[in-house]
């Protein structure tokens, strides 16, 4: 039996919509009793077994599941009835029993609205950073452009990779599971020896390694491969990096 608290709106079998004003409490004859107030201001006591939470509201077109069968259906009409808790629904799939109706009435309490949990995909043409790509972990942190967001390829454990990202420079592209849009305009560029370095953007050195740079306390530092994802003051100063691995070319 469900428990309610003061202020809850509930449905009573004969009193209709009520508000809990006190309870639960025990009487000489029973426990779990609530003092309810009806819409007209009348108060009365009722056992918890006589009241229930208000029936959820649905609208025509809502997709629901039925707890009685687990089937999915669409609301065609309603609500109606004394308590406005009856709907006409149509099953998404024909019933196994050819004699059973596909369209019928259902009580709101056996209906659960299906919430669309489809993730909102990042649009094609967005410049992004790769956060996760199975079998291509060495590409995590690289930046590029989304060329498709409707891929069906999945890795192990049914892990969806809906994106294809073409890396800056157009040298390669991969399937990507998770990514983050990037905006160069939000970064503070730093110019050294005539070259402008944008934090968070990939650069390639003379031997083909990928670098990133960031400004720390007014000075530019850089690092390569996995270490480039978190630049600290312990990274390579720009002058040393350029002398040793330069020149750097933006990807």
Protein backbone atom coordinates (compact mmCIF):
# COMPACT_ATOMS: atom_id res chain seq x y z
CA UNK A 1 0.00 0.00 0.00
CA UNK A 2 1.40 3.37 -1.02
CA UNK A 3 2.09 6.02 1.60
CA UNK A 4 1.20 9.67 1.19
CA UNK A 5 2.19 12.88 2.94
CA UNK A 6 0.37 16.05 3.92
CA UNK A 7 -0.29 18.18 0.85
CA UNK A 8 -0.36 15.29 -1.62
CA UNK A 9 -3.13 15.30 -4.20
CA UNK A 10 -4.80 11.91 -4.34
CA UNK A 11 -7.75 10.13 -5.90
CA UNK A 12 -10.38 8.55 -3.66
CA UNK A 13 -12.60 5.75 -4.92
CA UNK A 14 -15.81 7.76 -4.32
CA UNK A 15 -14.59 11.20 -3.25
CA UNK A 16 -12.65 11.89 -6.44
CA UNK A 17 -9.77 14.33 -6.24
CA UNK A 18 -8.72 15.17 -2.66
CA UNK A 19 -5.82 16.66 -0.73
CA UNK A 20 -4.16 14.91 2.21
CA UNK A 21 -4.46 17.17 5.29
CA UNK A 22 -3.25 14.77 7.99
CA UNK A 23 -1.86 11.30 8.32
CA UNK A 24 -1.20 8.56 8.27
CA UNK A 25 -2.62 7.85 11.72
CA UNK A 26 -4.07 4.96 13.64
CA UNK A 27 -7.68 4.63 14.80
CA UNK A 28 -9.26 2.13 17.14
CA UNK A 29 -10.12 -0.09 14.20
CA UNK A 30 -7.36 0.41 11.65
CA UNK A 31 -4.00 1.98 10.84
CA UNK A 32 -2.79 3.88 7.80
CA UNK A 33 -5.71 6.31 7.83
CA UNK A 34 -5.60 9.76 6.21
CA UNK A 35 -7.68 12.88 6.71
CA UNK A 36 -8.68 14.08 3.23
CA UNK A 37 -10.20 17.34 2.03
CA UNK A 38 -12.56 17.22 -0.94
CA UNK A 39 -12.90 19.98 -3.54
CA UNK A 40 -15.95 21.42 -1.72
CA UNK A 41 -14.01 21.73 1.56
CA UNK A 42 -15.50 18.65 3.20
CA UNK A 43 -13.15 16.55 5.33
CA UNK A 44 -13.32 12.79 5.83
CA UNK A 45 -11.08 9.91 6.87
CA UNK A 46 -10.04 7.19 4.46
CA UNK A 47 -7.82 4.16 4.61
CA UNK A 48 -4.71 4.13 2.46
CA UNK A 49 -6.16 1.24 0.48
CA UNK A 50 -8.98 3.52 -0.67
CA UNK A 51 -6.79 6.21 -2.18
CA UNK A 52 -4.18 6.34 -4.90
CA UNK A 53 -1.95 8.83 -6.64
CA UNK A 54 -3.70 10.86 -9.36
CA UNK A 55 -3.84 9.16 -12.70
CA UNK A 56 -1.18 10.50 -15.07
CA UNK A 57 -2.47 12.65 -17.92
CA UNK A 58 -1.89 11.73 -21.55
CA UNK A 59 -2.66 13.45 -24.82
CA UNK A 60 -3.68 12.10 -28.21
CA UNK A 61 -0.57 10.93 -30.04
CA UNK A 62 1.41 9.96 -26.93
CA UNK A 63 3.28 6.66 -27.23
CA UNK A 64 2.80 4.54 -24.11
CA UNK A 65 3.54 1.09 -22.74
CA UNK A 66 0.91 -1.01 -21.01
CA UNK A 67 1.93 -2.62 -17.73
CA UNK A 68 -0.66 -5.35 -18.29
CA UNK A 69 1.14 -6.72 -21.34
CA UNK A 70 4.33 -4.73 -21.89
CA UNK A 71 3.02 -3.75 -25.31
CA UNK A 72 3.56 -0.35 -26.86
CA UNK A 73 0.56 1.67 -28.06
CA UNK A 74 -0.51 5.13 -29.15
CA UNK A 75 -3.22 7.19 -27.46
CA UNK A 76 -6.10 7.74 -29.92
CA UNK A 77 -8.70 9.41 -27.70
CA UNK A 78 -9.24 10.58 -24.13
CA UNK A 79 -9.38 11.08 -21.32
CA UNK A 80 -12.99 10.30 -20.47
CA UNK A 81 -14.99 8.61 -17.73
CA UNK A 82 -16.05 9.75 -14.27
CA UNK A 83 -12.45 10.26 -13.16
CA UNK A 84 -11.04 11.22 -16.57
CA UNK A 85 -8.69 8.25 -16.46
CA UNK A 86 -9.78 6.17 -19.45
CA UNK A 87 -8.15 6.35 -22.88
CA UNK A 88 -8.58 4.66 -26.23
CA UNK A 89 -5.23 3.24 -27.36
CA UNK A 90 -4.04 1.42 -30.46
CA UNK A 91 -1.31 -1.20 -30.27
CA UNK A 92 1.84 -0.49 -32.28
CA UNK A 93 1.88 -4.09 -33.50
CA UNK A 94 -1.08 -6.37 -34.22
CA UNK A 95 -1.82 -8.73 -31.29
CA UNK A 96 -0.72 -12.36 -31.57
CA UNK A 97 -4.34 -13.43 -31.19
CA UNK A 98 -6.04 -12.48 -34.44
CA UNK A 99 -9.37 -12.25 -32.59
CA UNK A 100 -8.04 -9.74 -30.05
CA UNK A 101 -8.72 -6.06 -30.81
CA UNK A 102 -5.85 -3.80 -31.75
CA UNK A 103 -7.70 -0.74 -30.46
CA UNK A 104 -9.28 -0.75 -27.00
CA UNK A 105 -9.75 1.26 -23.80
CA UNK A 106 -7.11 1.37 -21.05
CA UNK A 107 -6.91 2.91 -17.60
CA UNK A 108 -4.29 5.60 -17.06
CA UNK A 109 -2.79 3.66 -14.14
CA UNK A 110 -1.63 0.87 -16.46
CA UNK A 111 -0.10 3.31 -18.95
CA UNK A 112 3.42 4.76 -18.91
CA UNK A 113 4.48 7.41 -21.38
CA UNK A 114 7.46 6.50 -23.52
CA UNK A 115 10.08 9.23 -23.27
CA UNK A 116 12.23 9.77 -26.32
CA UNK A 117 15.75 9.32 -24.99
CA UNK A 118 17.40 9.50 -28.39
CA UNK A 119 20.50 11.66 -27.92
CA UNK A 120 20.62 14.97 -29.74
CA UNK A 121 23.37 14.57 -32.31
CA UNK A 122 25.94 17.24 -33.12
CA UNK A 123 25.24 18.55 -36.65
CA UNK A 124 27.33 17.68 -39.69
CA UNK A 125 29.83 20.44 -40.41
CA UNK A 126 30.60 21.15 -36.75
CA UNK A 127 34.27 21.37 -35.80
CA UNK A 128 34.87 19.03 -32.83
CA UNK A 129 37.41 17.36 -30.58
CA UNK A 130 37.41 13.55 -30.48
CA UNK A 131 36.75 12.37 -26.91
CA UNK A 132 36.22 8.64 -27.48
CA UNK A 133 36.72 6.36 -30.47
CA UNK A 134 37.11 2.62 -29.94
CA UNK A 135 40.21 1.13 -31.61
CA UNK A 136 41.51 4.67 -32.26
CA UNK A 137 42.50 5.78 -28.77
CA UNK A 138 45.63 7.46 -30.14
CA UNK A 139 43.30 9.93 -31.89
CA UNK A 140 41.61 11.07 -28.69
CA UNK A 141 42.00 14.82 -28.42
CA UNK A 142 42.46 15.43 -32.13
CA UNK A 143 40.22 17.96 -33.83
CA UNK A 144 38.33 17.86 -37.09
CA UNK A 145 34.99 18.24 -38.84
CA UNK A 146 31.91 16.01 -38.60
CA UNK A 147 31.12 14.64 -42.06
CA UNK A 148 28.36 12.24 -40.94
CA UNK A 149 26.24 11.75 -37.81
CA UNK A 150 24.09 8.87 -39.03
CA UNK A 151 26.54 5.97 -38.94
CA UNK A 152 25.37 2.54 -37.77
CA UNK A 153 28.79 1.08 -36.94
CA UNK A 154 29.08 -0.30 -33.41
CA UNK A 155 32.06 -1.53 -31.45
CA UNK A 156 32.02 -4.23 -28.76
CA UNK A 157 29.07 -4.35 -26.36
CA UNK A 158 26.88 -2.66 -28.99
CA UNK A 159 28.76 0.61 -28.44
CA UNK A 160 27.39 3.09 -31.00
CA UNK A 161 29.78 5.30 -33.01
CA UNK A 162 27.35 7.53 -34.94
CA UNK A 163 29.89 10.09 -36.17
CA UNK A 164 32.59 10.22 -38.81
CA UNK A 165 35.13 12.94 -38.13
CA UNK A 166 37.59 14.08 -40.76
CA UNK A 167 40.68 15.41 -39.05
CA UNK A 168 41.99 18.90 -39.64
CA UNK A 169 44.12 18.80 -42.74
CA UNK A 170 41.98 16.06 -44.32
CA UNK A 171 44.61 13.37 -43.80
CA UNK A 172 42.31 10.80 -42.20
CA UNK A 173 38.83 10.15 -40.76
CA UNK A 174 37.45 7.77 -38.13
CA UNK A 175 34.21 6.60 -36.51
CA UNK A 176 33.64 8.43 -33.23
CA UNK A 177 31.43 7.63 -30.23
CA UNK A 178 31.79 10.82 -28.19
CA UNK A 179 32.99 14.29 -29.11
CA UNK A 180 32.91 17.92 -28.04
CA UNK A 181 32.33 20.94 -30.30
CA UNK A 182 35.26 23.34 -30.28
CA UNK A 183 35.32 27.04 -31.05
CA UNK A 184 38.67 28.58 -31.90
CA UNK A 185 37.24 32.03 -31.21
CA UNK A 186 37.04 31.23 -27.49
CA UNK A 187 40.77 30.49 -27.22
CA UNK A 188 43.43 33.15 -26.68
CA UNK A 189 46.00 32.82 -29.49
CA UNK A 190 49.71 33.29 -28.81
CA UNK A 191 52.23 34.30 -31.46
CA UNK A 192 55.83 33.15 -31.31
CA UNK A 193 58.42 33.79 -33.99
CA UNK A 194 55.70 34.76 -36.47
CA UNK A 195 53.53 31.65 -35.89
CA UNK A 196 50.18 31.90 -34.09
CA UNK A 197 49.35 29.04 -31.73
CA UNK A 198 45.71 28.50 -30.68
CA UNK A 199 45.19 26.58 -27.41
CA UNK A 200 43.26 23.33 -27.82
CA UNK A 201 44.13 22.97 -31.51
CA UNK A 202 46.38 20.23 -32.92
CA UNK A 203 49.71 21.03 -34.58
CA UNK A 204 52.08 18.56 -36.22
CA UNK A 205 55.87 18.68 -35.83
CA UNK A 206 58.62 17.82 -38.31
CA UNK A 207 58.54 14.09 -37.44
CA UNK A 208 54.75 13.72 -37.58
CA UNK A 209 53.86 13.90 -33.87
CA UNK A 210 50.77 15.79 -32.77
CA UNK A 211 51.15 18.72 -30.35
CA UNK A 212 49.01 21.19 -28.47
CA UNK A 213 49.96 24.43 -26.78
CA UNK A 214 48.57 26.54 -23.97
CA UNK A 215 49.39 29.82 -22.29
CA UNK A 216 50.33 29.46 -18.61
CA UNK A 217 51.20 32.55 -16.58
CA UNK A 218 51.79 34.48 -19.80
CA UNK A 219 54.17 31.92 -21.31
CA UNK A 220 53.45 29.34 -24.03
CA UNK A 221 54.05 25.66 -23.34
CA UNK A 222 53.44 22.60 -25.46
CA UNK A 223 53.45 18.81 -25.34
CA UNK A 224 52.73 15.89 -27.68
CA UNK A 225 50.52 12.80 -27.97
CA UNK A 226 48.57 11.92 -24.80
CA UNK A 227 50.41 14.52 -22.73
CA UNK A 228 49.11 17.25 -25.02
CA UNK A 229 45.59 16.79 -23.63
CA UNK A 230 46.60 18.45 -20.33
CA UNK A 231 49.23 21.13 -20.72
CA UNK A 232 51.02 22.21 -17.53
CA UNK A 233 54.00 24.42 -16.72
CA UNK A 234 56.02 21.20 -16.72
CA UNK A 235 55.54 20.89 -20.48
CA UNK A 236 58.03 22.15 -23.07
CA UNK A 237 58.52 25.94 -23.39
CA UNK A 238 57.70 27.12 -26.90
CA UNK A 239 61.29 28.18 -27.70
CA UNK A 240 62.70 24.75 -26.80
CA UNK A 241 59.87 22.94 -28.62
CA UNK A 242 60.41 24.93 -31.82
CA UNK A 243 64.19 24.51 -31.73
CA UNK A 244 63.95 20.76 -31.13
CA UNK A 245 60.84 19.63 -33.05
CA UNK A 246 59.78 22.61 -35.12
CA UNK A 247 58.50 23.95 -37.33
CA UNK A 248 54.92 23.25 -36.28
CA UNK A 249 52.06 23.20 -38.77
CA UNK A 250 48.45 23.56 -37.73
CA UNK A 251 46.47 20.43 -38.64
